[in-house]
Amino acid sequence: MKKPRIIGQEVEYALATIPYALPDTLFRSDAAKCFFDTIRERVFENSDRLLSQFLPNGARLYCDTGGHPEYATPECLGPKQLVCAEQAGDRFLEQIQSQANRILKERKPAYQIRLYKNNTDNRGETWGCHENYLIKPRLFSELTSPLDKNELRNIFISYLISSVIYTGSGDVVKLSNNSLAFHVSQRAKSITRIFSNSTTSNRPLINSRDEAHAKTEEWRRLHLIARDSNMSPLAVYLKFGTASIILEMLETNPRLFGRNMVLRDPIESLRYISGDSKLKAVSVCSDYLEYTALEFQKMFCETAARYVEQNGSKEDKEVVSRWQEVLDALSRYATEPELLVGKIDWITKKYLISEKIRKICKYFEGDVFLDPFFDYCGKRVEIKPNQFVSPADLAMAMHYQYHDIRQDKGLFYLVSKNDETLVSKEDVDSMIDDAPKGARAELRGFLVKEFKQYGEIYDMTFNWSYCCLQDNLMKIEQLSDVEKSDNRFLNLTFEFPNPYERRLPLGYDEVLKFHKIIDEIPEQFRPAAK
């Protein structure tokens, strides 16, 4: 039985202050500090450190460039486990936000913080949602090769770009004449290259930096940075599930893909596809035939279905089934747009905004994001007694409110269709405090929980593939010469180069017992017998 592919996601959240008029210095120095202080208080019981930013559920949380809290899920075995882990991240941050806001109510001036799971703001700034896939070294070399004529990479890029029709989270663009445009993807406009080792400038589809966090002779980490953050669990599931299947096919039998499944100009095609919420934009292929993104995805899905029928796991077959259902619904989008409301983000967002604007403007003809409605967008309409707003401003406000992670305020949650057949609330809640089962993250989560009580005694450093535990230097200085000479000082480095391995290195269980750090090692973490 084949192992599920290890995958993970990193999401940067926008952190805003209410009211918005607070000084920028206050926002950066106080809001972010209060947010992370709340994590220390709740998770690590006021320790000065966050154990190198790793949490007891195996995830990593830290403040990224620009003051964005970034939540990296633990390593997950397959897309369903990944959905649970990333949804658990949203719920954890929602809880921390609530606790931090109770503290901020007492500040002078009093203010609140809000977290949004989106990718852009109205100033043109962008932040990311990064995907990680464990792949074979040979495929990694093919996908990150500087050669232009690279068939495997070109196939994967064509899949990646056309997938925005179900992974895009929707972008409302306010034009210079105060009219509106709606794009399928937020990140598409900031992508300028096929691959690069940068994530903040000249942003690529594939980040070519080689940081495996594993044995490099056996594995590499494919790092994708072009797709949107998603509120919808189904969109996340399809994003990781379909990519995992395509990658497996490229690793095992790339000749299954036809030559017509390659775009001639990928970046230009990404712009066209994202800018057309009618799903009519066509892209030119290497054989000069033209296809829409939906037609591309149907070709990939049909090819994957044949492969999975013979070689796929039960979860692979479920991914393909849901993939087919979504593509079928997208085929009927022109006449039945409500089929994917609450399931696919950009469709849900566009539907909510359109319905609201139609209601307040009494405009029931056509698409509010197309002419002739543009002429109406700058006018102000009454939405409550003596309260006026322009349709354009209302659309922008709803665009951001869609991504509010508070379940009682975020617009996505008002219409989302809870699909208990995908993941259950219990499965998500369990991963707020506990790591996913079956891989390296489970051991890391166990060690973080065990070690956090020794934060004042030991210097500890966690990373994805190792953990260091040393006696605190201040503690050593306070010992007598006799105590210093008894060779009981702790200086351990646990290396975890195998991302599938959740057992301690041989002999380290006895060392932890000897130093009275862990009295009993659970069976699943004990070193394997020689």
Protein backbone atom coordinates (compact mmCIF):
# COMPACT_ATOMS: atom_id res chain seq x y z
CA MET A 1 0.00 0.00 0.00
CA LYS A 2 1.50 3.33 -1.07
CA LYS A 3 2.22 6.10 1.42
CA PRO A 4 0.15 9.26 1.18
CA ARG A 5 2.17 12.23 -0.01
CA ILE A 6 3.29 14.56 2.78
CA ILE A 7 1.94 18.06 2.22
CA GLY A 8 1.70 21.33 4.12
CA GLN A 9 0.49 24.89 3.80
CA GLU A 10 1.74 28.29 4.98
CA VAL A 11 -0.82 31.09 5.21
CA GLU A 12 -0.06 34.74 5.90
CA TYR A 13 -2.99 36.58 7.51
CA ALA A 14 -3.70 40.29 7.24
CA LEU A 15 -3.73 41.93 10.67
CA ALA A 16 -5.81 45.12 10.76
CA THR A 17 -6.73 47.50 13.57
CA ILE A 18 -10.18 48.92 14.33
CA PRO A 19 -10.44 51.92 14.12
CA TYR A 20 -8.25 52.07 11.02
CA ALA A 21 -6.95 55.57 11.82
CA LEU A 22 -4.49 54.39 14.46
CA PRO A 23 -0.84 55.41 13.91
CA ASP A 24 1.13 52.86 11.93
CA THR A 25 3.76 52.62 14.67
CA LEU A 26 1.09 51.65 17.17
CA PHE A 27 -0.21 48.98 14.82
CA ARG A 28 3.17 47.35 14.39
CA SER A 29 4.55 47.63 17.91
CA ASP A 30 1.44 47.09 19.99
CA ALA A 31 -1.12 45.07 18.03
CA ALA A 32 1.28 42.36 16.88
CA LYS A 33 2.96 42.27 20.32
CA CYS A 34 -0.37 41.83 22.08
CA PHE A 35 -1.35 39.10 19.64
CA PHE A 36 1.81 37.06 20.22
CA ASP A 37 1.85 37.77 23.96
CA THR A 38 -1.59 36.18 24.09
CA ILE A 39 -0.19 33.05 22.46
CA ARG A 40 2.62 32.89 25.01
CA GLU A 41 0.16 33.24 27.85
CA ARG A 42 -2.31 30.68 26.55
CA VAL A 43 -0.05 28.08 24.98
CA PHE A 44 3.26 28.38 26.77
CA GLU A 45 2.15 29.66 30.18
CA ASN A 46 4.04 32.97 30.03
CA SER A 47 7.35 31.48 28.89
CA ASP A 48 9.66 34.04 27.29
CA ARG A 49 9.95 31.87 24.20
CA LEU A 50 7.55 30.14 21.84
CA LEU A 51 9.85 27.13 21.50
CA SER A 52 11.23 28.51 18.22
CA GLN A 53 7.66 29.36 17.17
CA PHE A 54 6.43 25.75 17.05
CA LEU A 55 3.12 24.89 18.70
CA PRO A 56 1.97 21.76 20.56
CA ASN A 57 0.02 20.65 17.46
CA GLY A 58 3.24 20.53 15.41
CA ALA A 59 2.46 23.72 13.48
CA ARG A 60 4.60 26.84 13.31
CA LEU A 61 3.34 30.37 13.98
CA TYR A 62 5.46 33.47 13.63
CA CYS A 63 5.33 37.11 12.54
CA ASP A 64 6.38 37.38 8.90
CA THR A 65 7.55 40.37 6.85
CA GLY A 66 5.05 43.24 7.01
CA GLY A 67 3.62 42.25 10.39
CA HIS A 68 1.60 39.33 9.03
CA PRO A 69 1.01 36.40 11.38
CA GLU A 70 1.97 33.30 9.38
CA TYR A 71 0.60 29.88 10.27
CA ALA A 72 2.38 26.87 8.78
CA THR A 73 0.48 23.62 9.18
CA PRO A 74 2.27 20.54 10.47
CA GLU A 75 3.23 17.88 7.93
CA CYS A 76 0.05 16.12 6.81
CA LEU A 77 -0.64 12.77 5.17
CA GLY A 78 -2.99 13.58 2.32
CA PRO A 79 -5.47 16.38 1.54
CA LYS A 80 -8.17 15.49 4.07
CA GLN A 81 -5.71 15.67 6.97
CA LEU A 82 -4.37 18.93 5.52
CA VAL A 83 -7.86 20.47 5.45
CA CYS A 84 -8.33 19.58 9.13
CA ALA A 85 -4.95 21.09 10.03
CA GLU A 86 -5.41 24.34 8.12
CA GLN A 87 -8.97 24.81 9.39
CA ALA A 88 -7.65 24.18 12.91
CA GLY A 89 -5.20 27.04 12.28
CA ASP A 90 -8.10 29.38 11.50
CA ARG A 91 -9.94 28.35 14.66
CA PHE A 92 -6.81 28.69 16.82
CA LEU A 93 -6.13 32.19 15.50
CA GLU A 94 -9.78 33.14 15.95
CA GLN A 95 -9.52 32.17 19.62
CA ILE A 96 -6.25 34.08 20.08
CA GLN A 97 -7.72 37.14 18.36
CA SER A 98 -10.70 37.09 20.73
CA GLN A 99 -8.48 36.84 23.81
CA ALA A 100 -6.15 39.59 22.57
CA ASN A 101 -9.11 41.90 21.92
CA ARG A 102 -10.31 41.52 25.50
CA ILE A 103 -6.92 42.89 26.57
CA LEU A 104 -6.92 45.68 23.98
CA LYS A 105 -10.30 46.96 25.18
CA GLU A 106 -8.52 48.24 28.27
CA ARG A 107 -5.77 50.08 26.35
CA LYS A 108 -5.62 53.84 25.79
CA PRO A 109 -6.58 54.40 23.06
CA ALA A 110 -8.80 51.34 23.00
CA TYR A 111 -8.82 49.42 19.74
CA GLN A 112 -9.39 45.94 18.32
CA ILE A 113 -7.54 43.71 15.88
CA ARG A 114 -8.97 41.74 12.98
CA LEU A 115 -7.45 38.84 11.07
CA TYR A 116 -8.30 38.32 7.40
CA LYS A 117 -7.40 35.26 5.36
CA ASN A 118 -6.90 37.06 2.06
CA ASN A 119 -3.98 38.01 -0.20
CA THR A 120 -4.21 41.70 -1.19
CA ASP A 121 -5.24 45.13 0.03
CA ASN A 122 -6.43 48.32 -1.66
CA ARG A 123 -2.86 49.69 -1.77
CA GLY A 124 -1.64 46.91 -4.03
CA GLU A 125 0.27 45.04 -1.33
CA THR A 126 0.16 41.25 -1.47
CA TRP A 127 0.94 38.39 0.89
CA GLY A 128 0.97 34.72 0.29
CA CYS A 129 -0.45 31.28 0.64
CA HIS A 130 2.31 28.74 0.05
CA GLU A 131 1.88 25.05 -0.72
CA ASN A 132 4.45 22.37 0.06
CA TYR A 133 4.67 18.89 -1.48
CA LEU A 134 7.19 16.16 -0.74
CA ILE A 135 8.40 14.90 -4.13
CA LYS A 136 11.22 12.83 -5.58
CA PRO A 137 14.54 14.62 -6.31
CA ARG A 138 14.37 13.89 -10.03
CA LEU A 139 10.97 15.54 -10.44
CA PHE A 140 12.11 18.50 -8.34
CA SER A 141 15.05 18.99 -10.72
CA GLU A 142 12.71 18.85 -13.71
CA LEU A 143 10.23 21.34 -12.25
CA THR A 144 12.91 23.86 -11.22
CA SER A 145 15.23 23.45 -14.22
CA PRO A 146 16.19 26.70 -16.01
CA LEU A 147 15.67 25.03 -19.39
CA ASP A 148 12.71 26.48 -21.29
CA LYS A 149 11.79 23.26 -23.08
CA ASN A 150 10.95 21.20 -20.04
CA GLU A 151 7.95 19.02 -20.78
CA LEU A 152 7.16 17.93 -17.21
CA ARG A 153 7.27 21.45 -15.84
CA ASN A 154 5.19 22.80 -18.73
CA ILE A 155 2.49 20.20 -18.09
CA PHE A 156 2.41 20.95 -14.37
CA ILE A 157 2.33 24.71 -14.96
CA SER A 158 -0.63 24.31 -17.32
CA TYR A 159 -2.50 22.37 -14.65
CA LEU A 160 -1.56 24.95 -12.00
CA ILE A 161 -2.73 27.97 -13.99
CA SER A 162 -6.01 26.50 -15.17
CA SER A 163 -6.85 25.34 -11.62
CA VAL A 164 -7.60 28.92 -10.51
CA ILE A 165 -11.20 28.35 -11.63
CA TYR A 166 -11.75 26.42 -8.38
CA THR A 167 -8.84 27.61 -6.20
CA GLY A 168 -9.27 31.37 -6.75
CA SER A 169 -10.77 33.33 -3.87
CA GLY A 170 -12.03 36.25 -5.96
CA ASP A 171 -10.80 39.83 -6.22
CA VAL A 172 -12.86 43.01 -6.47
CA VAL A 173 -10.91 45.65 -8.37
CA LYS A 174 -11.94 49.30 -8.18
CA LEU A 175 -11.09 51.02 -11.46
CA SER A 176 -10.10 54.64 -12.02
CA ASN A 177 -13.63 55.64 -13.12
CA ASN A 178 -14.98 54.30 -9.79
CA SER A 179 -16.44 51.24 -11.52
CA LEU A 180 -15.80 47.65 -10.53
CA ALA A 181 -14.15 44.61 -12.04
CA PHE A 182 -14.17 41.10 -10.64
CA HIS A 183 -11.19 38.75 -11.02
CA VAL A 184 -11.14 35.06 -10.19
CA SER A 185 -7.78 35.13 -8.36
CA GLN A 186 -6.14 37.65 -6.02
CA ARG A 187 -2.57 36.39 -6.47
CA ALA A 188 -2.62 36.12 -10.27
CA LYS A 189 -1.81 39.78 -10.91
CA SER A 190 1.37 39.61 -8.77
CA ILE A 191 2.86 36.53 -10.51
CA THR A 192 5.48 37.50 -13.09
CA ARG A 193 7.65 34.40 -13.58
CA ILE A 194 7.48 30.65 -13.98
CA PHE A 195 10.08 29.97 -11.31
CA SER A 196 12.47 31.91 -9.11
CA ASN A 197 14.01 31.59 -5.65
CA SER A 198 12.24 34.75 -4.47
CA THR A 199 8.88 35.04 -2.69
CA THR A 200 8.66 38.83 -2.26
CA SER A 201 9.74 40.20 -5.66
CA ASN A 202 9.51 38.78 -9.18
CA ARG A 203 7.04 36.32 -7.68
CA PRO A 204 6.96 32.98 -9.51
CA LEU A 205 4.53 30.11 -9.82
CA ILE A 206 7.19 27.76 -8.42
CA ASN A 207 9.74 28.80 -5.83
CA SER A 208 12.99 27.07 -6.77
CA ARG A 209 14.73 27.41 -3.41
CA ASP A 210 15.99 23.97 -2.38
CA GLU A 211 15.07 23.58 1.30
CA ALA A 212 13.96 19.99 1.67
CA HIS A 213 13.74 19.71 5.50
CA ALA A 214 14.41 16.02 4.84
CA LYS A 215 17.03 13.63 3.43
CA THR A 216 17.87 15.34 0.16
CA GLU A 217 18.92 12.11 -1.54
CA GLU A 218 15.39 10.76 -1.05
CA TRP A 219 13.07 13.78 -1.04
CA ARG A 220 12.70 17.39 -2.03
CA ARG A 221 10.11 19.98 -1.04
CA LEU A 222 8.19 21.56 -3.91
CA HIS A 223 7.19 25.08 -2.89
CA LEU A 224 4.29 26.72 -4.79
CA ILE A 225 3.41 30.34 -4.06
CA ALA A 226 0.94 31.43 -6.77
CA ARG A 227 -2.48 30.27 -5.60
CA ASP A 228 -4.86 32.07 -3.25
CA SER A 229 -5.69 31.54 0.39
CA ASN A 230 -9.06 29.83 0.65
CA MET A 231 -11.92 30.10 3.11
CA SER A 232 -13.62 27.05 1.59
CA PRO A 233 -12.45 23.65 2.88
CA LEU A 234 -13.48 22.07 -0.43
CA ALA A 235 -11.25 24.47 -2.38
CA VAL A 236 -8.29 23.60 -0.12
CA TYR A 237 -9.05 19.89 -0.51
CA LEU A 238 -9.13 20.11 -4.31
CA LYS A 239 -6.05 22.35 -4.42
CA PHE A 240 -3.88 19.82 -2.59
CA GLY A 241 -5.65 16.67 -3.72
CA THR A 242 -5.49 17.37 -7.45
CA ALA A 243 -1.90 18.64 -7.30
CA SER A 244 -0.81 15.51 -5.42
CA ILE A 245 -2.32 13.27 -8.10
CA ILE A 246 -0.79 15.25 -10.97
CA LEU A 247 2.63 15.12 -9.26
CA GLU A 248 2.36 11.36 -8.79
CA MET A 249 1.55 10.92 -12.47
CA LEU A 250 4.54 13.06 -13.44
CA GLU A 251 6.75 10.93 -11.19
CA THR A 252 5.52 7.58 -12.46
CA ASN A 253 4.15 7.94 -16.01
CA PRO A 254 4.30 11.45 -17.51
CA ARG A 255 3.53 10.13 -20.99
CA LEU A 256 -0.11 9.86 -19.96
CA PHE A 257 -0.44 13.60 -20.62
CA GLY A 258 -1.05 14.79 -24.17
CA ARG A 259 1.08 17.39 -25.94
CA ASN A 260 -1.97 19.64 -26.25
CA MET A 261 -2.01 20.07 -22.45
CA VAL A 262 0.77 22.69 -22.50
CA LEU A 263 0.24 26.48 -22.60
CA ARG A 264 2.33 28.57 -24.98
CA ASP A 265 2.39 31.65 -22.70
CA PRO A 266 1.59 30.61 -19.11
CA ILE A 267 1.81 34.02 -17.39
CA GLU A 268 -0.33 35.74 -20.01
CA SER A 269 -2.84 32.88 -19.78
CA LEU A 270 -2.99 33.30 -16.00
CA ARG A 271 -3.96 36.95 -16.47
CA TYR A 272 -6.65 36.08 -19.03
CA ILE A 273 -8.15 33.28 -16.96
CA SER A 274 -8.18 35.27 -13.74
CA GLY A 275 -9.71 38.31 -15.42
CA ASP A 276 -12.66 36.40 -16.88
CA SER A 277 -15.26 35.33 -14.32
CA LYS A 278 -17.48 34.16 -17.19
CA LEU A 279 -15.03 31.27 -17.80
CA LYS A 280 -14.92 32.04 -21.53
CA ALA A 281 -11.29 33.18 -21.92
CA VAL A 282 -9.23 30.90 -24.16
CA SER A 283 -5.51 30.17 -24.04
CA VAL A 284 -3.29 29.01 -26.88
CA CYS A 285 -1.58 25.63 -26.47
CA SER A 286 1.68 24.35 -27.89
CA ASP A 287 -0.19 22.84 -30.84
CA TYR A 288 -1.89 26.24 -31.48
CA LEU A 289 -5.31 24.95 -30.48
CA GLU A 290 -7.30 27.10 -28.05
CA TYR A 291 -8.95 25.90 -24.84
CA THR A 292 -10.67 27.52 -21.89
CA ALA A 293 -9.39 26.84 -18.37
CA LEU A 294 -12.42 24.62 -17.80
CA GLU A 295 -11.58 22.56 -20.89
CA PHE A 296 -7.99 22.26 -19.68
CA GLN A 297 -9.11 21.06 -16.27
CA LYS A 298 -11.47 18.52 -17.79
CA MET A 299 -8.58 17.05 -19.79
CA PHE A 300 -6.43 16.82 -16.66
CA CYS A 301 -9.29 15.34 -14.65
CA GLU A 302 -10.11 12.70 -17.28
CA THR A 303 -6.45 11.69 -17.52
CA ALA A 304 -6.17 11.54 -13.73
CA ALA A 305 -9.37 9.49 -13.44
CA ARG A 306 -7.97 6.79 -15.72
CA TYR A 307 -4.71 6.69 -13.75
CA VAL A 308 -6.39 6.65 -10.33
CA GLU A 309 -8.76 3.86 -11.35
CA GLN A 310 -5.76 1.54 -11.66
CA ASN A 311 -3.21 3.08 -9.29
CA GLY A 312 -4.96 5.39 -6.87
CA SER A 313 -5.78 5.13 -3.20
CA LYS A 314 -9.28 5.45 -1.78
CA GLU A 315 -8.61 9.12 -1.06
CA ASP A 316 -7.29 9.69 -4.60
CA LYS A 317 -10.56 8.34 -5.97
CA GLU A 318 -12.55 10.61 -3.66
CA VAL A 319 -10.51 13.60 -4.85
CA VAL A 320 -11.23 12.77 -8.50
CA SER A 321 -14.94 12.31 -7.75
CA ARG A 322 -15.21 15.73 -6.12
CA TRP A 323 -13.06 17.24 -8.86
CA GLN A 324 -15.48 15.92 -11.49
CA GLU A 325 -18.49 17.25 -9.54
CA VAL A 326 -17.02 20.75 -9.33
CA LEU A 327 -16.05 20.81 -13.02
CA ASP A 328 -19.56 19.66 -13.96
CA ALA A 329 -21.03 22.47 -11.85
CA LEU A 330 -18.63 24.99 -13.43
CA SER A 331 -19.87 23.85 -16.86
CA ARG A 332 -23.36 24.99 -15.79
CA TYR A 333 -22.17 28.19 -14.11
CA ALA A 334 -23.67 30.52 -16.73
CA THR A 335 -27.21 29.30 -16.01
CA GLU A 336 -26.90 27.89 -12.47
CA PRO A 337 -24.28 29.97 -10.60
CA GLU A 338 -25.74 29.03 -7.22
CA LEU A 339 -24.55 25.40 -7.53
CA LEU A 340 -21.14 26.25 -6.08
CA VAL A 341 -22.13 29.00 -3.65
CA GLY A 342 -20.60 28.11 -0.28
CA LYS A 343 -18.20 25.69 -1.97
CA ILE A 344 -15.91 27.65 -4.31
CA ASP A 345 -14.68 30.97 -2.94
CA TRP A 346 -14.70 33.29 -5.94
CA ILE A 347 -18.18 32.17 -6.97
CA THR A 348 -19.50 32.59 -3.44
CA LYS A 349 -18.01 36.06 -3.07
CA LYS A 350 -19.28 37.27 -6.42
CA TYR A 351 -22.76 35.91 -5.69
CA LEU A 352 -22.99 37.62 -2.28
CA ILE A 353 -21.79 40.99 -3.56
CA SER A 354 -24.00 40.88 -6.66
CA GLU A 355 -27.13 39.98 -4.69
CA LYS A 356 -26.53 42.76 -2.15
CA ILE A 357 -25.91 45.42 -4.78
CA ARG A 358 -28.93 44.35 -6.81
CA LYS A 359 -31.07 44.64 -3.70
CA ILE A 360 -29.97 48.12 -2.61
CA CYS A 361 -29.84 49.52 -6.16
CA LYS A 362 -32.96 47.75 -7.37
CA TYR A 363 -30.88 46.60 -10.32
CA PHE A 364 -31.92 43.15 -11.48
CA GLU A 365 -30.50 42.94 -15.00
CA GLY A 366 -27.19 41.38 -15.99
CA ASP A 367 -23.87 41.34 -14.17
CA VAL A 368 -23.14 44.18 -11.72
CA PHE A 369 -19.45 43.91 -12.63
CA LEU A 370 -20.06 44.65 -16.32
CA ASP A 371 -21.43 47.57 -18.35
CA PRO A 372 -23.89 49.26 -18.20
CA PHE A 373 -23.86 49.07 -14.40
CA PHE A 374 -20.45 50.78 -14.30
CA ASP A 375 -22.17 54.16 -14.70
CA TYR A 376 -24.10 53.55 -11.48
CA CYS A 377 -21.21 52.52 -9.22
CA GLY A 378 -20.12 56.03 -8.21
CA LYS A 379 -23.58 57.09 -7.05
CA ARG A 380 -24.56 56.82 -3.40
CA VAL A 381 -27.64 54.90 -2.30
CA GLU A 382 -29.41 54.73 1.05
CA ILE A 383 -28.90 51.40 2.81
CA LYS A 384 -30.27 52.48 6.21
CA PRO A 385 -32.11 55.64 7.32
CA ASN A 386 -29.70 58.54 6.64
CA GLN A 387 -26.85 56.12 5.84
CA PHE A 388 -25.55 56.28 2.27
CA VAL A 389 -22.88 54.31 0.46
CA SER A 390 -21.74 53.84 -3.11
CA PRO A 391 -22.13 50.34 -4.59
CA ALA A 392 -18.40 50.32 -5.32
CA ASP A 393 -17.48 51.01 -1.67
CA LEU A 394 -19.99 48.43 -0.46
CA ALA A 395 -18.54 45.83 -2.82
CA MET A 396 -15.02 46.51 -1.54
CA ALA A 397 -16.16 46.23 2.08
CA MET A 398 -17.88 42.90 1.40
CA HIS A 399 -14.80 41.70 -0.48
CA TYR A 400 -12.69 42.07 2.68
CA GLN A 401 -15.41 40.94 5.08
CA TYR A 402 -15.64 37.67 3.18
CA HIS A 403 -12.20 36.75 4.55
CA ASP A 404 -12.84 37.63 8.22
CA ILE A 405 -11.92 34.46 10.14
CA ARG A 406 -14.54 35.09 12.84
CA GLN A 407 -17.26 32.53 12.27
CA ASP A 408 -20.01 34.91 13.40
CA LYS A 409 -18.81 37.78 11.17
CA GLY A 410 -17.04 36.41 8.08
CA LEU A 411 -19.35 36.43 5.06
CA PHE A 412 -18.13 33.01 3.91
CA TYR A 413 -19.48 31.37 7.05
CA LEU A 414 -22.93 32.87 6.52
CA VAL A 415 -23.47 30.79 3.39
CA SER A 416 -20.99 27.94 3.66
CA LYS A 417 -22.43 24.49 3.36
CA ASN A 418 -20.89 22.42 6.15
CA ASP A 419 -19.83 19.20 4.45
CA GLU A 420 -19.38 16.65 7.22
CA THR A 421 -18.45 14.05 4.60
CA LEU A 422 -15.27 16.01 3.87
CA VAL A 423 -14.08 16.79 7.42
CA SER A 424 -15.98 16.90 10.69
CA LYS A 425 -15.93 19.67 13.29
CA GLU A 426 -14.52 17.15 15.78
CA ASP A 427 -11.60 16.33 13.45
CA VAL A 428 -10.81 20.03 13.03
CA ASP A 429 -11.11 20.82 16.75
CA SER A 430 -8.80 17.94 17.66
CA MET A 431 -5.98 19.48 15.60
CA ILE A 432 -6.10 22.81 17.42
CA ASP A 433 -4.15 21.22 20.28
CA ASP A 434 -2.89 17.92 18.84
CA ALA A 435 -0.70 17.15 15.83
CA PRO A 436 -1.90 15.03 12.88
CA LYS A 437 -1.31 11.32 13.38
CA GLY A 438 1.18 9.19 11.52
CA ALA A 439 4.16 11.37 10.57
CA ARG A 440 7.00 13.49 11.96
CA ALA A 441 4.68 16.26 13.15
CA GLU A 442 3.14 13.93 15.72
CA LEU A 443 6.51 13.45 17.44
CA ARG A 444 7.30 17.18 17.27
CA GLY A 445 3.98 18.04 18.88
CA PHE A 446 4.62 15.53 21.67
CA LEU A 447 8.08 16.99 22.37
CA VAL A 448 6.82 20.58 22.37
CA LYS A 449 4.18 19.65 24.94
CA GLU A 450 6.69 17.79 27.11
CA PHE A 451 9.44 20.39 26.85
CA LYS A 452 7.38 23.55 27.38
CA GLN A 453 7.39 23.06 31.17
CA TYR A 454 11.21 23.34 31.10
CA GLY A 455 11.36 26.68 29.28
CA GLU A 456 13.25 28.36 32.13
CA ILE A 457 15.66 25.45 32.62
CA TYR A 458 16.76 24.50 29.10
CA ASP A 459 17.56 26.34 25.91
CA MET A 460 15.39 24.74 23.24
CA THR A 461 15.29 25.13 19.48
CA PHE A 462 12.82 23.41 17.19
CA ASN A 463 12.93 23.20 13.41
CA TRP A 464 11.10 21.07 10.87
CA SER A 465 13.79 18.38 10.82
CA TYR A 466 15.54 18.68 14.19
CA CYS A 467 15.27 19.73 17.83
CA CYS A 468 18.07 20.98 20.11
CA LEU A 469 17.87 20.78 23.90
CA GLN A 470 20.66 22.23 26.05
CA ASP A 471 21.19 23.23 29.66
CA ASN A 472 20.55 26.92 30.21
CA LEU A 473 23.89 28.77 30.52
CA MET A 474 22.67 30.83 33.48
CA LYS A 475 21.69 27.63 35.27
CA ILE A 476 25.18 26.16 34.69
CA GLU A 477 26.90 29.26 36.11
CA GLN A 478 24.98 28.82 39.36
CA LEU A 479 26.25 25.25 39.90
CA SER A 480 29.16 24.29 42.12
CA ASP A 481 32.40 22.91 40.65
CA VAL A 482 31.42 19.41 41.82
CA GLU A 483 28.04 19.67 40.10
CA LYS A 484 29.69 20.97 36.94
CA SER A 485 32.00 17.95 36.84
CA ASP A 486 29.38 15.21 37.08
CA ASN A 487 28.85 15.15 33.27
CA ARG A 488 25.09 15.31 33.59
CA PHE A 489 24.84 18.38 31.39
CA LEU A 490 22.33 18.10 28.61
CA ASN A 491 23.32 18.86 25.03
CA LEU A 492 21.03 16.95 22.69
CA THR A 493 20.22 17.33 19.02
CA PHE A 494 17.35 15.20 17.75
CA GLU A 495 17.45 14.85 13.98
CA PHE A 496 14.32 13.84 12.08
CA PRO A 497 15.41 13.61 8.42
CA ASN A 498 12.60 11.19 7.53
CA PRO A 499 9.31 13.14 7.39
CA TYR A 500 7.35 9.89 7.68
CA GLU A 501 9.15 8.80 10.88
CA ARG A 502 7.59 9.58 14.25
CA ARG A 503 9.97 7.55 16.44
CA LEU A 504 12.81 9.03 18.48
CA PRO A 505 16.37 8.29 17.35
CA LEU A 506 17.78 5.15 18.94
CA GLY A 507 18.88 5.70 22.56
CA TYR A 508 17.35 9.14 22.98
CA ASP A 509 14.43 7.81 25.00
CA GLU A 510 16.87 6.62 27.67
CA VAL A 511 18.67 9.99 27.69
CA LEU A 512 15.39 11.83 28.27
CA LYS A 513 14.54 9.48 31.13
CA PHE A 514 18.04 9.83 32.62
CA HIS A 515 17.69 13.61 32.80
CA LYS A 516 14.14 13.21 34.18
CA ILE A 517 12.62 15.19 31.32
CA ILE A 518 10.15 12.54 30.18
CA ASP A 519 9.27 9.68 32.50
CA GLU A 520 7.43 7.50 29.99
CA ILE A 521 7.70 7.54 26.20
CA PRO A 522 4.45 6.50 24.43
CA GLU A 523 4.82 3.39 22.31
CA GLN A 524 4.45 5.17 18.96
CA PHE A 525 7.46 7.42 19.71
CA ARG A 526 9.87 4.82 21.10
CA PRO A 527 12.92 4.07 18.95
CA ALA A 528 12.59 1.08 16.67
CA ALA A 529 14.50 -2.00 17.78
CA LYS A 530 17.81 -2.68 16.05
